[in-house]
Amino acid sequence: MMSDSSPLAATQPAHVVLYQPEIPQNTGNIGRTCVAVGAKLWIVEPASFQFDEKRVRRAGLDYWQYLDWEPVPSWEVLCQRLDPERFFFFSKFARRTIWEADFQLGDVLVFGRETSGLPASILKPDDPRSLRLPMREQVRSLNLSVTAGIALYEHQRQTTNG
């Protein structure tokens, strides 16, 4: 785990926040995607698993050693460490789609728990920073690691030349 306690706004191309994740394989896959694009992964505790679990390591494969990640004990601590003005909240209940977002370097992409999403104290569906992936009504939801991957690569598309 790499870490530093300085203000981190644009020191990373992007930050990915998993709020109390429940499925280690999703976290491992998201971690691998973070390595691929140079994003930092933040875990708001508690997670429903230990990070030394074989399922996290298996999903992250040999990339986990290159992942810049940091656990934080609470949402409040995360908000002290990162600029809440650059937070984007992902939920199927958001009014705006990801295609309407204007991403910038240093943005924070926030994802909720696999079974319950983000709590109402964090997610405001009408907030212009709340985003959803468009999908047909026959699909209840997408896998968290798929959603994070789409969001990270759209972020990268908008903020880099490559």
N, C-alpha and C. Protein backbone atom coordinates (compact mmCIF):
# COMPACT_ATOMS: atom_id res chain seq x y z
N MET A 1 0.85 -1.18 0.00
CA MET A 1 0.00 0.00 0.00
C MET A 1 0.89 1.23 0.00
N MET A 2 0.65 2.11 -0.95
CA MET A 2 1.36 3.38 -0.99
C MET A 2 0.47 4.42 -0.34
N SER A 3 1.06 5.40 0.30
CA SER A 3 0.23 6.40 0.96
C SER A 3 1.05 7.65 1.23
N ASP A 4 0.37 8.77 1.21
CA ASP A 4 0.95 10.00 1.72
C ASP A 4 -0.19 10.85 2.24
N SER A 5 0.08 11.67 3.21
CA SER A 5 -1.02 12.38 3.87
C SER A 5 -1.16 13.83 3.41
N SER A 6 -0.52 14.20 2.30
CA SER A 6 -0.66 15.57 1.80
C SER A 6 -1.95 15.72 1.01
N PRO A 7 -2.41 16.97 0.80
CA PRO A 7 -3.59 17.16 -0.04
C PRO A 7 -3.35 16.57 -1.42
N LEU A 8 -4.33 15.89 -1.95
CA LEU A 8 -4.09 15.07 -3.13
C LEU A 8 -4.87 15.45 -4.37
N ALA A 9 -5.45 16.61 -4.43
CA ALA A 9 -6.38 16.95 -5.50
C ALA A 9 -5.95 16.44 -6.86
N ALA A 10 -4.94 17.01 -7.48
CA ALA A 10 -4.60 16.62 -8.85
C ALA A 10 -3.27 15.88 -8.92
N THR A 11 -2.82 15.29 -7.84
CA THR A 11 -1.56 14.54 -7.89
C THR A 11 -1.74 13.21 -8.60
N GLN A 12 -2.97 12.78 -8.79
CA GLN A 12 -3.30 11.55 -9.52
C GLN A 12 -4.21 11.97 -10.67
N PRO A 13 -4.20 11.22 -11.76
CA PRO A 13 -5.14 11.54 -12.84
C PRO A 13 -6.59 11.38 -12.38
N ALA A 14 -6.82 10.42 -11.50
CA ALA A 14 -8.16 10.18 -10.96
C ALA A 14 -8.03 9.43 -9.65
N HIS A 15 -9.10 9.51 -8.87
CA HIS A 15 -9.20 8.75 -7.62
C HIS A 15 -10.48 7.94 -7.71
N VAL A 16 -10.42 6.70 -7.28
CA VAL A 16 -11.59 5.84 -7.23
C VAL A 16 -11.86 5.54 -5.77
N VAL A 17 -13.10 5.77 -5.34
CA VAL A 17 -13.49 5.50 -3.96
C VAL A 17 -14.50 4.37 -3.96
N LEU A 18 -14.21 3.34 -3.19
CA LEU A 18 -15.18 2.26 -2.95
C LEU A 18 -15.69 2.43 -1.53
N TYR A 19 -16.98 2.70 -1.41
CA TYR A 19 -17.60 2.91 -0.11
C TYR A 19 -18.02 1.56 0.46
N GLN A 20 -17.30 1.10 1.47
CA GLN A 20 -17.60 -0.14 2.18
C GLN A 20 -17.85 -1.31 1.24
N PRO A 21 -16.86 -1.66 0.42
CA PRO A 21 -17.06 -2.74 -0.56
C PRO A 21 -17.34 -4.09 0.10
N GLU A 22 -18.07 -4.92 -0.64
CA GLU A 22 -18.52 -6.21 -0.09
C GLU A 22 -17.93 -7.43 -0.82
N ILE A 23 -17.51 -7.26 -2.06
CA ILE A 23 -17.09 -8.41 -2.86
C ILE A 23 -15.62 -8.25 -3.23
N PRO A 24 -14.77 -9.12 -2.69
CA PRO A 24 -13.33 -8.94 -2.91
C PRO A 24 -12.92 -9.00 -4.38
N GLN A 25 -13.58 -9.83 -5.17
CA GLN A 25 -13.21 -9.92 -6.58
C GLN A 25 -13.45 -8.59 -7.30
N ASN A 26 -14.53 -7.89 -6.97
CA ASN A 26 -14.77 -6.58 -7.58
C ASN A 26 -13.66 -5.61 -7.21
N THR A 27 -13.28 -5.59 -5.94
CA THR A 27 -12.22 -4.69 -5.50
C THR A 27 -10.91 -5.02 -6.20
N GLY A 28 -10.60 -6.31 -6.35
CA GLY A 28 -9.39 -6.70 -7.07
C GLY A 28 -9.41 -6.26 -8.52
N ASN A 29 -10.54 -6.46 -9.19
CA ASN A 29 -10.65 -6.03 -10.59
C ASN A 29 -10.56 -4.52 -10.73
N ILE A 30 -11.21 -3.79 -9.84
CA ILE A 30 -11.14 -2.32 -9.87
C ILE A 30 -9.72 -1.86 -9.60
N GLY A 31 -9.04 -2.51 -8.67
CA GLY A 31 -7.64 -2.18 -8.40
C GLY A 31 -6.77 -2.37 -9.63
N ARG A 32 -7.00 -3.44 -10.37
CA ARG A 32 -6.23 -3.69 -11.59
C ARG A 32 -6.49 -2.58 -12.61
N THR A 33 -7.74 -2.16 -12.75
CA THR A 33 -8.07 -1.08 -13.68
C THR A 33 -7.41 0.22 -13.22
N CYS A 34 -7.38 0.48 -11.92
CA CYS A 34 -6.71 1.67 -11.41
C CYS A 34 -5.23 1.67 -11.80
N VAL A 35 -4.58 0.53 -11.68
CA VAL A 35 -3.18 0.43 -12.09
C VAL A 35 -3.06 0.75 -13.58
N ALA A 36 -3.97 0.25 -14.39
CA ALA A 36 -3.91 0.44 -15.84
C ALA A 36 -3.97 1.90 -16.24
N VAL A 37 -4.71 2.72 -15.48
CA VAL A 37 -4.87 4.14 -15.85
C VAL A 37 -4.13 5.09 -14.89
N GLY A 38 -3.48 4.57 -13.88
CA GLY A 38 -2.74 5.41 -12.94
C GLY A 38 -3.60 6.09 -11.89
N ALA A 39 -4.77 5.53 -11.59
CA ALA A 39 -5.65 6.10 -10.58
C ALA A 39 -5.33 5.55 -9.20
N LYS A 40 -5.63 6.33 -8.18
CA LYS A 40 -5.48 5.86 -6.80
C LYS A 40 -6.81 5.30 -6.34
N LEU A 41 -6.76 4.19 -5.61
CA LEU A 41 -7.94 3.55 -5.05
C LEU A 41 -8.03 3.85 -3.57
N TRP A 42 -9.21 4.31 -3.14
CA TRP A 42 -9.50 4.59 -1.74
C TRP A 42 -10.60 3.63 -1.29
N ILE A 43 -10.44 3.05 -0.12
CA ILE A 43 -11.44 2.17 0.45
C ILE A 43 -11.98 2.81 1.72
N VAL A 44 -13.27 3.15 1.70
CA VAL A 44 -13.91 3.67 2.91
C VAL A 44 -14.34 2.46 3.73
N GLU A 45 -13.79 2.35 4.92
CA GLU A 45 -14.07 1.21 5.78
C GLU A 45 -15.40 1.35 6.51
N PRO A 46 -15.96 0.24 6.94
CA PRO A 46 -15.38 -1.10 6.87
C PRO A 46 -15.70 -1.79 5.55
N ALA A 47 -14.74 -2.57 5.09
CA ALA A 47 -14.98 -3.47 3.97
C ALA A 47 -15.49 -4.78 4.56
N SER A 48 -16.16 -5.56 3.76
CA SER A 48 -16.73 -6.83 4.23
C SER A 48 -15.74 -7.98 4.14
N PHE A 49 -14.48 -7.68 3.90
CA PHE A 49 -13.46 -8.71 3.72
C PHE A 49 -12.10 -8.13 4.10
N GLN A 50 -11.12 -9.01 4.25
CA GLN A 50 -9.75 -8.60 4.52
C GLN A 50 -9.00 -8.45 3.20
N PHE A 51 -8.10 -7.49 3.10
CA PHE A 51 -7.41 -7.25 1.84
C PHE A 51 -6.31 -8.26 1.54
N ASP A 52 -6.02 -9.12 2.49
CA ASP A 52 -5.07 -10.18 2.18
C ASP A 52 -5.78 -11.44 1.71
N GLU A 53 -7.11 -11.37 1.58
CA GLU A 53 -7.86 -12.53 1.09
C GLU A 53 -7.40 -12.92 -0.29
N LYS A 54 -7.35 -14.22 -0.50
CA LYS A 54 -6.88 -14.74 -1.78
C LYS A 54 -7.75 -14.28 -2.93
N ARG A 55 -9.04 -14.04 -2.71
CA ARG A 55 -9.93 -13.60 -3.80
C ARG A 55 -9.56 -12.21 -4.30
N VAL A 56 -9.13 -11.31 -3.40
CA VAL A 56 -8.69 -9.97 -3.82
C VAL A 56 -7.40 -10.11 -4.62
N ARG A 57 -6.46 -10.87 -4.10
CA ARG A 57 -5.17 -11.04 -4.78
C ARG A 57 -5.36 -11.71 -6.13
N ARG A 58 -6.23 -12.71 -6.21
CA ARG A 58 -6.45 -13.41 -7.47
C ARG A 58 -7.03 -12.46 -8.51
N ALA A 59 -8.01 -11.65 -8.14
CA ALA A 59 -8.62 -10.72 -9.09
C ALA A 59 -7.63 -9.62 -9.49
N GLY A 60 -6.79 -9.19 -8.55
CA GLY A 60 -5.79 -8.16 -8.85
C GLY A 60 -4.56 -8.72 -9.52
N LEU A 61 -4.45 -10.06 -9.51
CA LEU A 61 -3.32 -10.77 -10.08
C LEU A 61 -2.01 -10.16 -9.60
N ASP A 62 -1.04 -10.10 -10.48
CA ASP A 62 0.26 -9.58 -10.07
C ASP A 62 0.32 -8.07 -10.17
N TYR A 63 -0.82 -7.41 -10.40
CA TYR A 63 -0.85 -5.95 -10.50
C TYR A 63 -1.00 -5.29 -9.14
N TRP A 64 -1.49 -6.02 -8.15
CA TRP A 64 -1.80 -5.42 -6.86
C TRP A 64 -0.59 -4.72 -6.24
N GLN A 65 0.61 -5.25 -6.48
CA GLN A 65 1.82 -4.64 -5.93
C GLN A 65 2.07 -3.24 -6.50
N TYR A 66 1.50 -2.92 -7.64
CA TYR A 66 1.69 -1.61 -8.27
C TYR A 66 0.56 -0.64 -7.95
N LEU A 67 -0.44 -1.11 -7.24
CA LEU A 67 -1.62 -0.29 -6.95
C LEU A 67 -1.33 0.72 -5.84
N ASP A 68 -1.65 1.97 -6.10
CA ASP A 68 -1.61 3.01 -5.09
C ASP A 68 -2.99 3.00 -4.43
N TRP A 69 -3.08 2.50 -3.21
CA TRP A 69 -4.38 2.40 -2.54
C TRP A 69 -4.24 2.76 -1.08
N GLU A 70 -5.37 3.17 -0.52
CA GLU A 70 -5.36 3.59 0.87
C GLU A 70 -6.72 3.37 1.50
N PRO A 71 -6.75 2.69 2.64
CA PRO A 71 -8.00 2.61 3.39
C PRO A 71 -8.19 3.87 4.23
N VAL A 72 -9.43 4.30 4.37
CA VAL A 72 -9.75 5.42 5.27
C VAL A 72 -10.85 4.95 6.21
N PRO A 73 -10.81 5.35 7.47
CA PRO A 73 -11.74 4.82 8.46
C PRO A 73 -13.18 5.31 8.32
N SER A 74 -13.40 6.40 7.59
CA SER A 74 -14.77 6.93 7.50
C SER A 74 -14.90 7.85 6.30
N TRP A 75 -16.15 8.12 5.94
CA TRP A 75 -16.45 9.06 4.87
C TRP A 75 -15.91 10.45 5.21
N GLU A 76 -16.03 10.86 6.46
CA GLU A 76 -15.58 12.18 6.89
C GLU A 76 -14.08 12.34 6.69
N VAL A 77 -13.32 11.31 7.00
CA VAL A 77 -11.87 11.36 6.82
C VAL A 77 -11.54 11.47 5.33
N LEU A 78 -12.24 10.74 4.50
CA LEU A 78 -12.03 10.83 3.05
C LEU A 78 -12.27 12.26 2.57
N CYS A 79 -13.35 12.87 3.03
CA CYS A 79 -13.69 14.24 2.62
C CYS A 79 -12.65 15.26 3.08
N GLN A 80 -11.92 14.95 4.14
CA GLN A 80 -10.83 15.81 4.59
C GLN A 80 -9.59 15.65 3.71
N ARG A 81 -9.42 14.46 3.15
CA ARG A 81 -8.24 14.14 2.35
C ARG A 81 -8.36 14.55 0.89
N LEU A 82 -9.58 14.55 0.36
CA LEU A 82 -9.82 14.86 -1.05
C LEU A 82 -10.81 16.01 -1.17
N ASP A 83 -10.81 16.68 -2.30
CA ASP A 83 -11.68 17.83 -2.52
C ASP A 83 -13.09 17.38 -2.88
N PRO A 84 -14.06 17.51 -1.97
CA PRO A 84 -15.43 17.06 -2.26
C PRO A 84 -16.06 17.74 -3.47
N GLU A 85 -15.57 18.91 -3.86
CA GLU A 85 -16.12 19.58 -5.04
C GLU A 85 -15.85 18.79 -6.32
N ARG A 86 -14.85 17.92 -6.30
CA ARG A 86 -14.51 17.13 -7.49
C ARG A 86 -15.04 15.70 -7.40
N PHE A 87 -15.92 15.42 -6.44
CA PHE A 87 -16.51 14.09 -6.32
C PHE A 87 -17.59 13.89 -7.38
N PHE A 88 -17.62 12.72 -7.98
CA PHE A 88 -18.71 12.27 -8.84
C PHE A 88 -19.25 10.98 -8.24
N PHE A 89 -20.56 10.92 -8.04
CA PHE A 89 -21.20 9.80 -7.36
C PHE A 89 -21.93 8.95 -8.40
N PHE A 90 -21.66 7.66 -8.40
CA PHE A 90 -22.27 6.77 -9.39
C PHE A 90 -23.41 5.98 -8.77
N SER A 91 -24.56 6.03 -9.44
CA SER A 91 -25.75 5.34 -8.97
C SER A 91 -26.74 5.18 -10.11
N LYS A 92 -27.46 4.08 -10.11
CA LYS A 92 -28.51 3.91 -11.12
C LYS A 92 -29.66 4.89 -10.90
N PHE A 93 -29.70 5.55 -9.75
CA PHE A 93 -30.77 6.50 -9.44
C PHE A 93 -30.43 7.94 -9.85
N ALA A 94 -29.20 8.18 -10.29
CA ALA A 94 -28.81 9.54 -10.69
C ALA A 94 -29.61 9.98 -11.91
N ARG A 95 -29.85 11.27 -12.01
CA ARG A 95 -30.62 11.83 -13.13
C ARG A 95 -29.76 12.01 -14.37
N ARG A 96 -28.50 12.38 -14.19
CA ARG A 96 -27.60 12.64 -15.32
C ARG A 96 -26.83 11.39 -15.70
N THR A 97 -26.47 11.29 -16.98
CA THR A 97 -25.64 10.15 -17.41
C THR A 97 -24.18 10.55 -17.39
N ILE A 98 -23.34 9.57 -17.43
CA ILE A 98 -21.90 9.80 -17.45
C ILE A 98 -21.49 10.62 -18.66
N TRP A 99 -22.26 10.53 -19.76
CA TRP A 99 -21.91 11.26 -20.99
C TRP A 99 -22.10 12.77 -20.83
N GLU A 100 -22.79 13.19 -19.77
CA GLU A 100 -23.00 14.62 -19.50
C GLU A 100 -21.93 15.21 -18.59
N ALA A 101 -21.06 14.38 -18.07
CA ALA A 101 -20.03 14.85 -17.13
C ALA A 101 -18.89 15.55 -17.86
N ASP A 102 -18.34 16.54 -17.20
CA ASP A 102 -17.16 17.24 -17.70
C ASP A 102 -16.02 16.89 -16.74
N PHE A 103 -15.29 15.82 -17.06
CA PHE A 103 -14.25 15.34 -16.17
C PHE A 103 -12.97 16.16 -16.31
N GLN A 104 -12.22 16.21 -15.20
CA GLN A 104 -10.93 16.90 -15.15
C GLN A 104 -9.94 16.02 -14.41
N LEU A 105 -8.67 16.26 -14.63
CA LEU A 105 -7.64 15.54 -13.88
C LEU A 105 -7.85 15.75 -12.39
N GLY A 106 -7.66 14.71 -11.62
CA GLY A 106 -7.81 14.78 -10.17
C GLY A 106 -9.22 14.50 -9.66
N ASP A 107 -10.15 14.19 -10.57
CA ASP A 107 -11.52 13.89 -10.14
C ASP A 107 -11.57 12.66 -9.25
N VAL A 108 -12.64 12.60 -8.46
CA VAL A 108 -12.87 11.51 -7.52
C VAL A 108 -14.16 10.80 -7.94
N LEU A 109 -14.04 9.54 -8.31
CA LEU A 109 -15.19 8.74 -8.76
C LEU A 109 -15.61 7.84 -7.59
N VAL A 110 -16.82 8.04 -7.09
CA VAL A 110 -17.27 7.39 -5.87
C VAL A 110 -18.32 6.33 -6.20
N PHE A 111 -18.10 5.10 -5.71
CA PHE A 111 -18.99 3.98 -5.95
C PHE A 111 -19.44 3.38 -4.62
N GLY A 112 -20.70 2.98 -4.55
CA GLY A 112 -21.26 2.44 -3.32
C GLY A 112 -21.11 0.93 -3.20
N ARG A 113 -21.71 0.42 -2.16
CA ARG A 113 -21.69 -1.02 -1.89
C ARG A 113 -22.42 -1.77 -2.99
N GLU A 114 -22.00 -2.99 -3.23
CA GLU A 114 -22.59 -3.79 -4.29
C GLU A 114 -24.08 -4.06 -4.07
N THR A 115 -24.50 -4.24 -2.83
CA THR A 115 -25.90 -4.59 -2.57
C THR A 115 -26.80 -3.40 -2.31
N SER A 116 -26.23 -2.29 -1.82
CA SER A 116 -27.10 -1.17 -1.43
C SER A 116 -26.69 0.18 -1.99
N GLY A 117 -25.59 0.25 -2.72
CA GLY A 117 -25.16 1.51 -3.30
C GLY A 117 -24.66 2.48 -2.25
N LEU A 118 -24.74 3.76 -2.57
CA LEU A 118 -24.33 4.81 -1.64
C LEU A 118 -25.48 5.17 -0.72
N PRO A 119 -25.20 5.48 0.54
CA PRO A 119 -26.28 5.88 1.45
C PRO A 119 -26.87 7.24 1.06
N ALA A 120 -28.09 7.47 1.47
CA ALA A 120 -28.79 8.73 1.17
C ALA A 120 -28.05 9.94 1.74
N SER A 121 -27.27 9.75 2.77
CA SER A 121 -26.50 10.86 3.34
C SER A 121 -25.40 11.33 2.39
N ILE A 122 -25.03 10.50 1.41
CA ILE A 122 -23.98 10.84 0.44
C ILE A 122 -24.57 11.11 -0.93
N LEU A 123 -25.45 10.25 -1.39
CA LEU A 123 -26.00 10.36 -2.74
C LEU A 123 -27.23 11.23 -2.79
N LYS A 124 -27.19 12.22 -3.63
CA LYS A 124 -28.34 13.06 -3.94
C LYS A 124 -28.58 12.91 -5.44
N PRO A 125 -29.60 12.14 -5.86
CA PRO A 125 -29.79 11.86 -7.29
C PRO A 125 -29.89 13.09 -8.18
N ASP A 126 -30.36 14.22 -7.64
CA ASP A 126 -30.48 15.43 -8.45
C ASP A 126 -29.19 16.27 -8.49
N ASP A 127 -28.21 15.93 -7.68
CA ASP A 127 -26.93 16.63 -7.70
C ASP A 127 -26.30 16.43 -9.08
N PRO A 128 -25.84 17.50 -9.73
CA PRO A 128 -25.25 17.34 -11.06
C PRO A 128 -23.99 16.48 -11.07
N ARG A 129 -23.42 16.23 -9.88
CA ARG A 129 -22.25 15.35 -9.79
C ARG A 129 -22.65 13.88 -9.65
N SER A 130 -23.93 13.60 -9.52
CA SER A 130 -24.42 12.21 -9.47
C SER A 130 -24.64 11.73 -10.89
N LEU A 131 -24.05 10.59 -11.21
CA LEU A 131 -24.06 10.09 -12.58
C LEU A 131 -24.49 8.64 -12.63
N ARG A 132 -25.07 8.28 -13.76
CA ARG A 132 -25.45 6.88 -14.00
C ARG A 132 -24.97 6.48 -15.38
N LEU A 133 -24.83 5.19 -15.55
CA LEU A 133 -24.58 4.65 -16.88
C LEU A 133 -25.93 4.36 -17.51
N PRO A 134 -26.15 4.80 -18.74
CA PRO A 134 -27.44 4.50 -19.37
C PRO A 134 -27.55 3.01 -19.66
N MET A 135 -28.71 2.46 -19.40
CA MET A 135 -28.95 1.04 -19.70
C MET A 135 -30.44 0.80 -19.88
N ARG A 136 -30.75 -0.25 -20.56
CA ARG A 136 -32.14 -0.61 -20.81
C ARG A 136 -32.82 -1.02 -19.51
N GLU A 137 -34.12 -0.83 -19.46
CA GLU A 137 -34.88 -1.11 -18.23
C GLU A 137 -34.87 -2.58 -17.85
N GLN A 138 -34.57 -3.47 -18.78
CA GLN A 138 -34.53 -4.90 -18.48
C GLN A 138 -33.34 -5.26 -17.57
N VAL A 139 -32.37 -4.36 -17.46
CA VAL A 139 -31.18 -4.62 -16.64
C VAL A 139 -31.29 -3.82 -15.35
N ARG A 140 -31.27 -4.54 -14.23
CA ARG A 140 -31.39 -3.90 -12.92
C ARG A 140 -30.13 -3.12 -12.58
N SER A 141 -28.97 -3.71 -12.85
CA SER A 141 -27.70 -3.03 -12.55
C SER A 141 -26.57 -3.73 -13.28
N LEU A 142 -25.44 -3.06 -13.35
CA LEU A 142 -24.22 -3.64 -13.89
C LEU A 142 -23.30 -4.01 -12.73
N ASN A 143 -22.39 -4.91 -12.98
CA ASN A 143 -21.39 -5.27 -11.99
C ASN A 143 -20.56 -4.04 -11.63
N LEU A 144 -20.21 -3.91 -10.37
CA LEU A 144 -19.47 -2.75 -9.89
C LEU A 144 -18.15 -2.57 -10.63
N SER A 145 -17.42 -3.64 -10.87
CA SER A 145 -16.13 -3.49 -11.54
C SER A 145 -16.31 -3.07 -13.00
N VAL A 146 -17.39 -3.49 -13.64
CA VAL A 146 -17.68 -3.05 -15.01
C VAL A 146 -17.98 -1.55 -15.00
N THR A 147 -18.84 -1.13 -14.08
CA THR A 147 -19.20 0.29 -13.98
C THR A 147 -17.96 1.15 -13.72
N ALA A 148 -17.13 0.73 -12.78
CA ALA A 148 -15.92 1.50 -12.47
C ALA A 148 -14.99 1.55 -13.68
N GLY A 149 -14.87 0.46 -14.41
CA GLY A 149 -14.02 0.43 -15.59
C GLY A 149 -14.51 1.39 -16.66
N ILE A 150 -15.80 1.38 -16.92
CA ILE A 150 -16.37 2.31 -17.91
C ILE A 150 -16.12 3.75 -17.47
N ALA A 151 -16.38 4.04 -16.20
CA ALA A 151 -16.20 5.40 -15.69
C ALA A 151 -14.74 5.84 -15.77
N LEU A 152 -13.83 4.97 -15.39
CA LEU A 152 -12.41 5.35 -15.44
C LEU A 152 -11.94 5.61 -16.86
N TYR A 153 -12.38 4.78 -17.79
CA TYR A 153 -11.92 4.98 -19.17
C TYR A 153 -12.60 6.17 -19.83
N GLU A 154 -13.83 6.48 -19.46
CA GLU A 154 -14.44 7.72 -19.96
C GLU A 154 -13.70 8.92 -19.37
N HIS A 155 -13.35 8.83 -18.10
CA HIS A 155 -12.56 9.89 -17.48
C HIS A 155 -11.23 10.06 -18.22
N GLN A 156 -10.57 8.96 -18.49
CA GLN A 156 -9.29 9.03 -19.19
C GLN A 156 -9.48 9.59 -20.60
N ARG A 157 -10.53 9.19 -21.29
CA ARG A 157 -10.78 9.69 -22.64
C ARG A 157 -10.90 11.21 -22.64
N GLN A 158 -11.59 11.74 -21.62
CA GLN A 158 -11.79 13.18 -21.56
C GLN A 158 -10.55 13.97 -21.09
N THR A 159 -9.68 13.32 -20.36
CA THR A 159 -8.60 14.08 -19.72
C THR A 159 -7.20 13.83 -20.28
N THR A 160 -7.06 12.87 -21.18
CA THR A 160 -5.75 12.60 -21.76
C THR A 160 -5.83 12.59 -23.27
N ASN A 161 -4.69 12.60 -23.87
CA ASN A 161 -4.61 12.54 -25.33
C ASN A 161 -4.27 11.15 -25.83
N GLY A 162 -4.45 10.14 -24.97
CA GLY A 162 -4.06 8.82 -25.43
C GLY A 162 -4.89 7.76 -24.99
